[in-house]
Amino acid sequence: MTDLAKKDSKKKMIIEAATKIFAEKGYQYATISEIAKESGISTGLVYSYFENKLDVLFSVIMLFWQKINQTIRENLMHLEDPVVKLKAVFLTFHKRLLSG
């Protein structure tokens, strides 16, 4: 595994841990040390990837949007009617919100 792949892997672990901790405790009550513990790395290493807890939250949100965009692209690939496409976008977003 390359250094870049290792870095991306650790960053992804932190984001996944943060998603879990934010869901369990809420953003306000979650701490970087809890996120670090959940991801199996040190608190200091979290800070080498993220400036602060808000930066972690932004990364969680960006990953969520990336997953939604990918799913929407896949769902719209074979659709041509603009109204059907729009309905598919909303349905995809709704399903993703409900599934977590």
PDB file of N, CA and C in Angstrom:
ATOM      1  N   MET A   1       0.850  -1.183   0.000  1.00  0.00           N
ATOM      2  CA  MET A   1       0.000   0.000   0.000  1.00  0.00           C
ATOM      3  C   MET A   1       0.893   1.243   0.000  1.00  0.00           C
ATOM      4  N   THR A   2       0.588   2.176  -0.870  1.00  0.00           N
ATOM      5  CA  THR A   2       1.376   3.402  -0.962  1.00  0.00           C
ATOM      6  C   THR A   2       1.081   4.319   0.222  1.00  0.00           C
ATOM      7  N   ASP A   3       1.951   5.292   0.442  1.00  0.00           N
ATOM      8  CA  ASP A   3       1.744   6.253   1.538  1.00  0.00           C
ATOM      9  C   ASP A   3       0.437   7.014   1.374  1.00  0.00           C
ATOM     10  N   LEU A   4       0.128   7.377   0.122  1.00  0.00           N
ATOM     11  CA  LEU A   4      -1.117   8.107  -0.141  1.00  0.00           C
ATOM     12  C   LEU A   4      -2.329   7.230   0.161  1.00  0.00           C
ATOM     13  N   ALA A   5      -2.253   5.959  -0.212  1.00  0.00           N
ATOM     14  CA  ALA A   5      -3.364   5.036   0.057  1.00  0.00           C
ATOM     15  C   ALA A   5      -3.546   4.837   1.558  1.00  0.00           C
ATOM     16  N   LYS A   6      -2.423   4.754   2.303  1.00  0.00           N
ATOM     17  CA  LYS A   6      -2.504   4.618   3.758  1.00  0.00           C
ATOM     18  C   LYS A   6      -3.153   5.855   4.376  1.00  0.00           C
ATOM     19  N   LYS A   7      -2.747   7.025   3.881  1.00  0.00           N
ATOM     20  CA  LYS A   7      -3.295   8.280   4.398  1.00  0.00           C
ATOM     21  C   LYS A   7      -4.798   8.356   4.119  1.00  0.00           C
ATOM     22  N   ASP A   8      -5.201   8.007   2.892  1.00  0.00           N
ATOM     23  CA  ASP A   8      -6.621   8.013   2.544  1.00  0.00           C
ATOM     24  C   ASP A   8      -7.399   7.006   3.380  1.00  0.00           C
ATOM     25  N   SER A   9      -6.789   5.855   3.640  1.00  0.00           N
ATOM     26  CA  SER A   9      -7.434   4.820   4.438  1.00  0.00           C
ATOM     27  C   SER A   9      -7.669   5.294   5.873  1.00  0.00           C
ATOM     28  N   LYS A  10      -6.665   5.925   6.460  1.00  0.00           N
ATOM     29  CA  LYS A  10      -6.820   6.435   7.830  1.00  0.00           C
ATOM     30  C   LYS A  10      -7.841   7.562   7.882  1.00  0.00           C
ATOM     31  N   LYS A  11      -7.813   8.422   6.884  1.00  0.00           N
ATOM     32  CA  LYS A  11      -8.777   9.523   6.848  1.00  0.00           C
ATOM     33  C   LYS A  11     -10.195   8.963   6.747  1.00  0.00           C
ATOM     34  N   LYS A  12     -10.371   7.929   5.922  1.00  0.00           N
ATOM     35  CA  LYS A  12     -11.689   7.305   5.778  1.00  0.00           C
ATOM     36  C   LYS A  12     -12.120   6.658   7.105  1.00  0.00           C
ATOM     37  N   MET A  13     -11.181   6.031   7.804  1.00  0.00           N
ATOM     38  CA  MET A  13     -11.501   5.437   9.110  1.00  0.00           C
ATOM     39  C   MET A  13     -11.978   6.503  10.085  1.00  0.00           C
ATOM     40  N   ILE A  14     -11.323   7.646  10.074  1.00  0.00           N
ATOM     41  CA  ILE A  14     -11.709   8.743  10.962  1.00  0.00           C
ATOM     42  C   ILE A  14     -13.108   9.242  10.609  1.00  0.00           C
ATOM     43  N   ILE A  15     -13.381   9.416   9.324  1.00  0.00           N
ATOM     44  CA  ILE A  15     -14.693   9.899   8.885  1.00  0.00           C
ATOM     45  C   ILE A  15     -15.790   8.910   9.260  1.00  0.00           C
ATOM     46  N   GLU A  16     -15.531   7.622   9.067  1.00  0.00           N
ATOM     47  CA  GLU A  16     -16.525   6.609   9.436  1.00  0.00           C
ATOM     48  C   GLU A  16     -16.766   6.587  10.941  1.00  0.00           C
ATOM     49  N   ALA A  17     -15.699   6.699  11.722  1.00  0.00           N
ATOM     50  CA  ALA A  17     -15.840   6.752  13.176  1.00  0.00           C
ATOM     51  C   ALA A  17     -16.611   7.999  13.600  1.00  0.00           C
ATOM     52  N   ALA A  18     -16.297   9.120  12.969  1.00  0.00           N
ATOM     53  CA  ALA A  18     -16.986  10.374  13.297  1.00  0.00           C
ATOM     54  C   ALA A  18     -18.466  10.276  12.967  1.00  0.00           C
ATOM     55  N   THR A  19     -18.789   9.662  11.851  1.00  0.00           N
ATOM     56  CA  THR A  19     -20.192   9.487  11.475  1.00  0.00           C
ATOM     57  C   THR A  19     -20.930   8.732  12.569  1.00  0.00           C
ATOM     58  N   LYS A  20     -20.308   7.665  13.062  1.00  0.00           N
ATOM     59  CA  LYS A  20     -20.928   6.853  14.124  1.00  0.00           C
ATOM     60  C   LYS A  20     -21.077   7.661  15.415  1.00  0.00           C
ATOM     61  N   ILE A  21     -20.010   8.340  15.810  1.00  0.00           N
ATOM     62  CA  ILE A  21     -20.053   9.115  17.060  1.00  0.00           C
ATOM     63  C   ILE A  21     -21.039  10.271  16.959  1.00  0.00           C
ATOM     64  N   PHE A  22     -21.049  10.977  15.840  1.00  0.00           N
ATOM     65  CA  PHE A  22     -22.007  12.075  15.660  1.00  0.00           C
ATOM     66  C   PHE A  22     -23.441  11.554  15.723  1.00  0.00           C
ATOM     67  N   ALA A  23     -23.689  10.392  15.125  1.00  0.00           N
ATOM     68  CA  ALA A  23     -25.033   9.818  15.139  1.00  0.00           C
ATOM     69  C   ALA A  23     -25.448   9.409  16.549  1.00  0.00           C
ATOM     70  N   GLU A  24     -24.511   8.877  17.304  1.00  0.00           N
ATOM     71  CA  GLU A  24     -24.823   8.417  18.663  1.00  0.00           C
ATOM     72  C   GLU A  24     -24.978   9.568  19.652  1.00  0.00           C
ATOM     73  N   LYS A  25     -24.079  10.547  19.595  1.00  0.00           N
ATOM     74  CA  LYS A  25     -24.021  11.584  20.625  1.00  0.00           C
ATOM     75  C   LYS A  25     -24.474  12.959  20.162  1.00  0.00           C
ATOM     76  N   GLY A  26     -24.509  13.151  18.852  1.00  0.00           N
ATOM     77  CA  GLY A  26     -24.759  14.478  18.317  1.00  0.00           C
ATOM     78  C   GLY A  26     -23.442  15.220  18.176  1.00  0.00           C
ATOM     79  N   TYR A  27     -23.387  16.111  17.224  1.00  0.00           N
ATOM     80  CA  TYR A  27     -22.147  16.860  16.964  1.00  0.00           C
ATOM     81  C   TYR A  27     -21.666  17.602  18.202  1.00  0.00           C
ATOM     82  N   GLN A  28     -22.575  18.254  18.885  1.00  0.00           N
ATOM     83  CA  GLN A  28     -22.213  19.106  20.021  1.00  0.00           C
ATOM     84  C   GLN A  28     -21.495  18.325  21.123  1.00  0.00           C
ATOM     85  N   TYR A  29     -21.905  17.090  21.351  1.00  0.00           N
ATOM     86  CA  TYR A  29     -21.365  16.327  22.473  1.00  0.00           C
ATOM     87  C   TYR A  29     -20.252  15.355  22.073  1.00  0.00           C
ATOM     88  N   ALA A  30     -20.019  15.202  20.805  1.00  0.00           N
ATOM     89  CA  ALA A  30     -18.937  14.337  20.336  1.00  0.00           C
ATOM     90  C   ALA A  30     -17.599  15.041  20.545  1.00  0.00           C
ATOM     91  N   THR A  31     -16.566  14.256  20.791  1.00  0.00           N
ATOM     92  CA  THR A  31     -15.234  14.839  20.954  1.00  0.00           C
ATOM     93  C   THR A  31     -14.259  14.177  19.979  1.00  0.00           C
ATOM     94  N   ILE A  32     -13.203  14.897  19.689  1.00  0.00           N
ATOM     95  CA  ILE A  32     -12.162  14.355  18.816  1.00  0.00           C
ATOM     96  C   ILE A  32     -11.543  13.106  19.453  1.00  0.00           C
ATOM     97  N   SER A  33     -11.377  13.100  20.771  1.00  0.00           N
ATOM     98  CA  SER A  33     -10.782  11.926  21.424  1.00  0.00           C
ATOM     99  C   SER A  33     -11.682  10.695  21.281  1.00  0.00           C
ATOM    100  N   GLU A  34     -12.998  10.884  21.328  1.00  0.00           N
ATOM    101  CA  GLU A  34     -13.914   9.751  21.115  1.00  0.00           C
ATOM    102  C   GLU A  34     -13.840   9.243  19.672  1.00  0.00           C
ATOM    103  N   ILE A  35     -13.737  10.171  18.748  1.00  0.00           N
ATOM    104  CA  ILE A  35     -13.616   9.808  17.331  1.00  0.00           C
ATOM    105  C   ILE A  35     -12.310   9.045  17.114  1.00  0.00           C
ATOM    106  N   ALA A  36     -11.234   9.525  17.722  1.00  0.00           N
ATOM    107  CA  ALA A  36      -9.940   8.857  17.604  1.00  0.00           C
ATOM    108  C   ALA A  36     -10.010   7.439  18.180  1.00  0.00           C
ATOM    109  N   LYS A  37     -10.587   7.314  19.358  1.00  0.00           N
ATOM    110  CA  LYS A  37     -10.709   5.999  20.005  1.00  0.00           C
ATOM    111  C   LYS A  37     -11.516   5.042  19.137  1.00  0.00           C
ATOM    112  N   GLU A  38     -12.633   5.525  18.595  1.00  0.00           N
ATOM    113  CA  GLU A  38     -13.491   4.696  17.744  1.00  0.00           C
ATOM    114  C   GLU A  38     -12.759   4.252  16.475  1.00  0.00           C
ATOM    115  N   SER A  39     -11.889   5.109  15.964  1.00  0.00           N
ATOM    116  CA  SER A  39     -11.171   4.770  14.731  1.00  0.00           C
ATOM    117  C   SER A  39      -9.872   4.014  15.001  1.00  0.00           C
ATOM    118  N   GLY A  40      -9.503   3.885  16.273  1.00  0.00           N
ATOM    119  CA  GLY A  40      -8.314   3.116  16.636  1.00  0.00           C
ATOM    120  C   GLY A  40      -7.002   3.842  16.412  1.00  0.00           C
ATOM    121  N   ILE A  41      -7.047   5.164  16.437  1.00  0.00           N
ATOM    122  CA  ILE A  41      -5.820   5.945  16.265  1.00  0.00           C
ATOM    123  C   ILE A  41      -5.736   6.988  17.373  1.00  0.00           C
ATOM    124  N   SER A  42      -4.615   7.668  17.438  1.00  0.00           N
ATOM    125  CA  SER A  42      -4.426   8.673  18.489  1.00  0.00           C
ATOM    126  C   SER A  42      -5.161   9.971  18.149  1.00  0.00           C
ATOM    127  N   THR A  43      -5.466  10.723  19.179  1.00  0.00           N
ATOM    128  CA  THR A  43      -6.109  12.023  19.003  1.00  0.00           C
ATOM    129  C   THR A  43      -5.226  12.942  18.163  1.00  0.00           C
ATOM    130  N   GLY A  44      -3.929  12.917  18.422  1.00  0.00           N
ATOM    131  CA  GLY A  44      -2.995  13.754  17.671  1.00  0.00           C
ATOM    132  C   GLY A  44      -3.007  13.444  16.187  1.00  0.00           C
ATOM    133  N   LEU A  45      -3.161  12.154  15.847  1.00  0.00           N
ATOM    134  CA  LEU A  45      -3.197  11.785  14.434  1.00  0.00           C
ATOM    135  C   LEU A  45      -4.457  12.320  13.755  1.00  0.00           C
ATOM    136  N   VAL A  46      -5.566  12.362  14.494  1.00  0.00           N
ATOM    137  CA  VAL A  46      -6.787  12.960  13.929  1.00  0.00           C
ATOM    138  C   VAL A  46      -6.502  14.403  13.547  1.00  0.00           C
ATOM    139  N   TYR A  47      -5.795  15.112  14.423  1.00  0.00           N
ATOM    140  CA  TYR A  47      -5.483  16.516  14.148  1.00  0.00           C
ATOM    141  C   TYR A  47      -4.470  16.682  13.013  1.00  0.00           C
ATOM    142  N   SER A  48      -3.773  15.625  12.651  1.00  0.00           N
ATOM    143  CA  SER A  48      -2.881  15.732  11.490  1.00  0.00           C
ATOM    144  C   SER A  48      -3.673  15.622  10.182  1.00  0.00           C
ATOM    145  N   TYR A  49      -4.886  15.089  10.269  1.00  0.00           N
ATOM    146  CA  TYR A  49      -5.753  14.974   9.096  1.00  0.00           C
ATOM    147  C   TYR A  49      -6.809  16.077   9.044  1.00  0.00           C
ATOM    148  N   PHE A  50      -7.242  16.543  10.208  1.00  0.00           N
ATOM    149  CA  PHE A  50      -8.322  17.524  10.292  1.00  0.00           C
ATOM    150  C   PHE A  50      -7.931  18.648  11.249  1.00  0.00           C
ATOM    151  N   GLU A  51      -8.347  19.869  10.893  1.00  0.00           N
ATOM    152  CA  GLU A  51      -8.033  21.026  11.718  1.00  0.00           C
ATOM    153  C   GLU A  51      -8.748  20.994  13.063  1.00  0.00           C
ATOM    154  N   ASN A  52     -10.027  20.604  13.027  1.00  0.00           N
ATOM    155  CA  ASN A  52     -10.850  20.601  14.230  1.00  0.00           C
ATOM    156  C   ASN A  52     -12.099  19.747  13.980  1.00  0.00           C
ATOM    157  N   LYS A  53     -12.980  19.715  14.950  1.00  0.00           N
ATOM    158  CA  LYS A  53     -14.181  18.881  14.843  1.00  0.00           C
ATOM    159  C   LYS A  53     -15.084  19.343  13.703  1.00  0.00           C
ATOM    160  N   LEU A  54     -15.165  20.625  13.474  1.00  0.00           N
ATOM    161  CA  LEU A  54     -15.981  21.142  12.375  1.00  0.00           C
ATOM    162  C   LEU A  54     -15.442  20.660  11.027  1.00  0.00           C
ATOM    163  N   ASP A  55     -14.146  20.620  10.893  1.00  0.00           N
ATOM    164  CA  ASP A  55     -13.516  20.108   9.677  1.00  0.00           C
ATOM    165  C   ASP A  55     -13.890  18.632   9.460  1.00  0.00           C
ATOM    166  N   VAL A  56     -13.929  17.871  10.540  1.00  0.00           N
ATOM    167  CA  VAL A  56     -14.348  16.463  10.449  1.00  0.00           C
ATOM    168  C   VAL A  56     -15.802  16.396   9.985  1.00  0.00           C
ATOM    169  N   LEU A  57     -16.648  17.228  10.575  1.00  0.00           N
ATOM    170  CA  LEU A  57     -18.060  17.247  10.186  1.00  0.00           C
ATOM    171  C   LEU A  57     -18.227  17.578   8.708  1.00  0.00           C
ATOM    172  N   PHE A  58     -17.495  18.560   8.220  1.00  0.00           N
ATOM    173  CA  PHE A  58     -17.570  18.896   6.794  1.00  0.00           C
ATOM    174  C   PHE A  58     -17.185  17.699   5.931  1.00  0.00           C
ATOM    175  N   SER A  59     -16.195  16.952   6.354  1.00  0.00           N
ATOM    176  CA  SER A  59     -15.784  15.762   5.594  1.00  0.00           C
ATOM    177  C   SER A  59     -16.861  14.687   5.611  1.00  0.00           C
ATOM    178  N   VAL A  60     -17.532  14.532   6.744  1.00  0.00           N
ATOM    179  CA  VAL A  60     -18.649  13.577   6.830  1.00  0.00           C
ATOM    180  C   VAL A  60     -19.747  13.993   5.850  1.00  0.00           C
ATOM    181  N   ILE A  61     -20.078  15.261   5.832  1.00  0.00           N
ATOM    182  CA  ILE A  61     -21.124  15.777   4.938  1.00  0.00           C
ATOM    183  C   ILE A  61     -20.709  15.620   3.478  1.00  0.00           C
ATOM    184  N   MET A  62     -19.462  15.929   3.166  1.00  0.00           N
ATOM    185  CA  MET A  62     -18.983  15.791   1.780  1.00  0.00           C
ATOM    186  C   MET A  62     -19.038  14.339   1.315  1.00  0.00           C
ATOM    187  N   LEU A  63     -18.681  13.401   2.177  1.00  0.00           N
ATOM    188  CA  LEU A  63     -18.751  11.988   1.807  1.00  0.00           C
ATOM    189  C   LEU A  63     -20.198  11.581   1.546  1.00  0.00           C
ATOM    190  N   PHE A  64     -21.105  12.061   2.388  1.00  0.00           N
ATOM    191  CA  PHE A  64     -22.533  11.787   2.205  1.00  0.00           C
ATOM    192  C   PHE A  64     -22.991  12.274   0.827  1.00  0.00           C
ATOM    193  N   TRP A  65     -22.625  13.516   0.470  1.00  0.00           N
ATOM    194  CA  TRP A  65     -23.030  14.079  -0.828  1.00  0.00           C
ATOM    195  C   TRP A  65     -22.384  13.340  -1.990  1.00  0.00           C
ATOM    196  N   GLN A  66     -21.141  12.919  -1.829  1.00  0.00           N
ATOM    197  CA  GLN A  66     -20.483  12.158  -2.892  1.00  0.00           C
ATOM    198  C   GLN A  66     -21.208  10.843  -3.149  1.00  0.00           C
ATOM    199  N   LYS A  67     -21.617  10.176  -2.080  1.00  0.00           N
ATOM    200  CA  LYS A  67     -22.350   8.911  -2.228  1.00  0.00           C
ATOM    201  C   LYS A  67     -23.708   9.150  -2.901  1.00  0.00           C
ATOM    202  N   ILE A  68     -24.384  10.203  -2.502  1.00  0.00           N
ATOM    203  CA  ILE A  68     -25.677  10.525  -3.126  1.00  0.00           C
ATOM    204  C   ILE A  68     -25.483  10.839  -4.610  1.00  0.00           C
ATOM    205  N   ASN A  69     -24.504  11.657  -4.933  1.00  0.00           N
ATOM    206  CA  ASN A  69     -24.263  12.015  -6.336  1.00  0.00           C
ATOM    207  C   ASN A  69     -23.947  10.798  -7.187  1.00  0.00           C
ATOM    208  N   GLN A  70     -23.145   9.879  -6.657  1.00  0.00           N
ATOM    209  CA  GLN A  70     -22.816   8.667  -7.402  1.00  0.00           C
ATOM    210  C   GLN A  70     -24.071   7.837  -7.655  1.00  0.00           C
ATOM    211  N   THR A  71     -24.884   7.670  -6.633  1.00  0.00           N
ATOM    212  CA  THR A  71     -26.123   6.897  -6.772  1.00  0.00           C
ATOM    213  C   THR A  71     -27.059   7.561  -7.768  1.00  0.00           C
ATOM    214  N   ILE A  72     -27.181   8.867  -7.700  1.00  0.00           N
ATOM    215  CA  ILE A  72     -28.054   9.596  -8.630  1.00  0.00           C
ATOM    216  C   ILE A  72     -27.559   9.427 -10.061  1.00  0.00           C
ATOM    217  N   ARG A  73     -26.261   9.569 -10.265  1.00  0.00           N
ATOM    218  CA  ARG A  73     -25.713   9.388 -11.621  1.00  0.00           C
ATOM    219  C   ARG A  73     -26.055   8.000 -12.159  1.00  0.00           C
ATOM    220  N   GLU A  74     -25.900   6.993 -11.329  1.00  0.00           N
ATOM    221  CA  GLU A  74     -26.206   5.621 -11.746  1.00  0.00           C
ATOM    222  C   GLU A  74     -27.693   5.461 -12.054  1.00  0.00           C
ATOM    223  N   ASN A  75     -28.542   6.059 -11.234  1.00  0.00           N
ATOM    224  CA  ASN A  75     -29.990   5.934 -11.418  1.00  0.00           C
ATOM    225  C   ASN A  75     -30.501   6.692 -12.638  1.00  0.00           C
ATOM    226  N   LEU A  76     -29.830   7.782 -12.998  1.00  0.00           N
ATOM    227  CA  LEU A  76     -30.297   8.609 -14.112  1.00  0.00           C
ATOM    228  C   LEU A  76     -29.732   8.191 -15.460  1.00  0.00           C
ATOM    229  N   MET A  77     -28.770   7.310 -15.452  1.00  0.00           N
ATOM    230  CA  MET A  77     -28.054   6.948 -16.664  1.00  0.00           C
ATOM    231  C   MET A  77     -28.985   6.534 -17.812  1.00  0.00           C
ATOM    232  N   HIS A  78     -30.036   5.810 -17.496  1.00  0.00           N
ATOM    233  CA  HIS A  78     -30.903   5.272 -18.546  1.00  0.00           C
ATOM    234  C   HIS A  78     -32.233   6.013 -18.682  1.00  0.00           C
ATOM    235  N   LEU A  79     -32.370   7.100 -17.952  1.00  0.00           N
ATOM    236  CA  LEU A  79     -33.611   7.862 -18.022  1.00  0.00           C
ATOM    237  C   LEU A  79     -33.462   9.034 -18.988  1.00  0.00           C
ATOM    238  N   GLU A  80     -34.535   9.358 -19.685  1.00  0.00           N
ATOM    239  CA  GLU A  80     -34.466  10.482 -20.625  1.00  0.00           C
ATOM    240  C   GLU A  80     -35.441  11.593 -20.282  1.00  0.00           C
ATOM    241  N   ASP A  81     -36.604  11.253 -19.774  1.00  0.00           N
ATOM    242  CA  ASP A  81     -37.637  12.249 -19.455  1.00  0.00           C
ATOM    243  C   ASP A  81     -37.174  13.106 -18.271  1.00  0.00           C
ATOM    244  N   PRO A  82     -37.105  14.430 -18.444  1.00  0.00           N
ATOM    245  CA  PRO A  82     -36.641  15.309 -17.358  1.00  0.00           C
ATOM    246  C   PRO A  82     -37.468  15.205 -16.078  1.00  0.00           C
ATOM    247  N   VAL A  83     -38.768  15.024 -16.211  1.00  0.00           N
ATOM    248  CA  VAL A  83     -39.628  14.918 -15.030  1.00  0.00           C
ATOM    249  C   VAL A  83     -39.325  13.619 -14.284  1.00  0.00           C
ATOM    250  N   VAL A  84     -39.143  12.544 -15.011  1.00  0.00           N
ATOM    251  CA  VAL A  84     -38.810  11.255 -14.407  1.00  0.00           C
ATOM    252  C   VAL A  84     -37.434  11.345 -13.733  1.00  0.00           C
ATOM    253  N   LYS A  85     -36.503  12.043 -14.377  1.00  0.00           N
ATOM    254  CA  LYS A  85     -35.179  12.229 -13.789  1.00  0.00           C
ATOM    255  C   LYS A  85     -35.263  12.992 -12.471  1.00  0.00           C
ATOM    256  N   LEU A  86     -36.043  14.063 -12.458  1.00  0.00           N
ATOM    257  CA  LEU A  86     -36.189  14.857 -11.247  1.00  0.00           C
ATOM    258  C   LEU A  86     -36.800  14.033 -10.119  1.00  0.00           C
ATOM    259  N   LYS A  87     -37.813  13.254 -10.441  1.00  0.00           N
ATOM    260  CA  LYS A  87     -38.423  12.374  -9.435  1.00  0.00           C
ATOM    261  C   LYS A  87     -37.399  11.374  -8.910  1.00  0.00           C
ATOM    262  N   ALA A  88     -36.574  10.846  -9.795  1.00  0.00           N
ATOM    263  CA  ALA A  88     -35.548   9.883  -9.399  1.00  0.00           C
ATOM    264  C   ALA A  88     -34.523  10.526  -8.460  1.00  0.00           C
ATOM    265  N   VAL A  89     -34.178  11.780  -8.713  1.00  0.00           N
ATOM    266  CA  VAL A  89     -33.235  12.497  -7.847  1.00  0.00           C
ATOM    267  C   VAL A  89     -33.813  12.615  -6.440  1.00  0.00           C
ATOM    268  N   PHE A  90     -35.058  13.063  -6.342  1.00  0.00           N
ATOM    269  CA  PHE A  90     -35.691  13.227  -5.024  1.00  0.00           C
ATOM    270  C   PHE A  90     -35.865  11.888  -4.316  1.00  0.00           C
ATOM    271  N   LEU A  91     -36.251  10.869  -5.055  1.00  0.00           N
ATOM    272  CA  LEU A  91     -36.431   9.545  -4.466  1.00  0.00           C
ATOM    273  C   LEU A  91     -35.099   9.004  -3.945  1.00  0.00           C
ATOM    274  N   THR A  92     -34.050   9.177  -4.717  1.00  0.00           N
ATOM    275  CA  THR A  92     -32.723   8.723  -4.304  1.00  0.00           C
ATOM    276  C   THR A  92     -32.285   9.447  -3.027  1.00  0.00           C
ATOM    277  N   PHE A  93     -32.455  10.748  -3.012  1.00  0.00           N
ATOM    278  CA  PHE A  93     -32.089  11.538  -1.842  1.00  0.00           C
ATOM    279  C   PHE A  93     -32.884  11.083  -0.620  1.00  0.00           C
ATOM    280  N   HIS A  94     -34.173  10.894  -0.789  1.00  0.00           N
ATOM    281  CA  HIS A  94     -35.037  10.468   0.309  1.00  0.00           C
ATOM    282  C   HIS A  94     -34.609   9.100   0.830  1.00  0.00           C
ATOM    283  N   LYS A  95     -34.372   8.160  -0.058  1.00  0.00           N
ATOM    284  CA  LYS A  95     -33.951   6.813   0.357  1.00  0.00           C
ATOM    285  C   LYS A  95     -32.615   6.869   1.102  1.00  0.00           C
ATOM    286  N   ARG A  96     -31.701   7.673   0.600  1.00  0.00           N
ATOM    287  CA  ARG A  96     -30.375   7.770   1.232  1.00  0.00           C
ATOM    288  C   ARG A  96     -30.478   8.386   2.636  1.00  0.00           C
ATOM    289  N   LEU A  97     -31.341   9.373   2.787  1.00  0.00           N
ATOM    290  CA  LEU A  97     -31.533   9.965   4.118  1.00  0.00           C
ATOM    291  C   LEU A  97     -32.096   8.962   5.103  1.00  0.00           C
ATOM    292  N   LEU A  98     -33.004   8.134   4.646  1.00  0.00           N
ATOM    293  CA  LEU A  98     -33.623   7.155   5.522  1.00  0.00           C
ATOM    294  C   LEU A  98     -32.692   5.986   5.858  1.00  0.00           C
ATOM    295  N   SER A  99     -31.797   5.660   4.920  1.00  0.00           N
ATOM    296  CA  SER A  99     -30.930   4.505   5.138  1.00  0.00           C
ATOM    297  C   SER A  99     -29.661   4.855   5.914  1.00  0.00           C
ATOM    298  N   GLY A 100     -29.337   6.144   5.984  1.00  0.00           N
ATOM    299  CA  GLY A 100     -28.165   6.551   6.753  1.00  0.00           C
ATOM    300  C   GLY A 100     -26.921   6.640   5.996  1.00  0.00           C
TER     301      GLY A 100
END
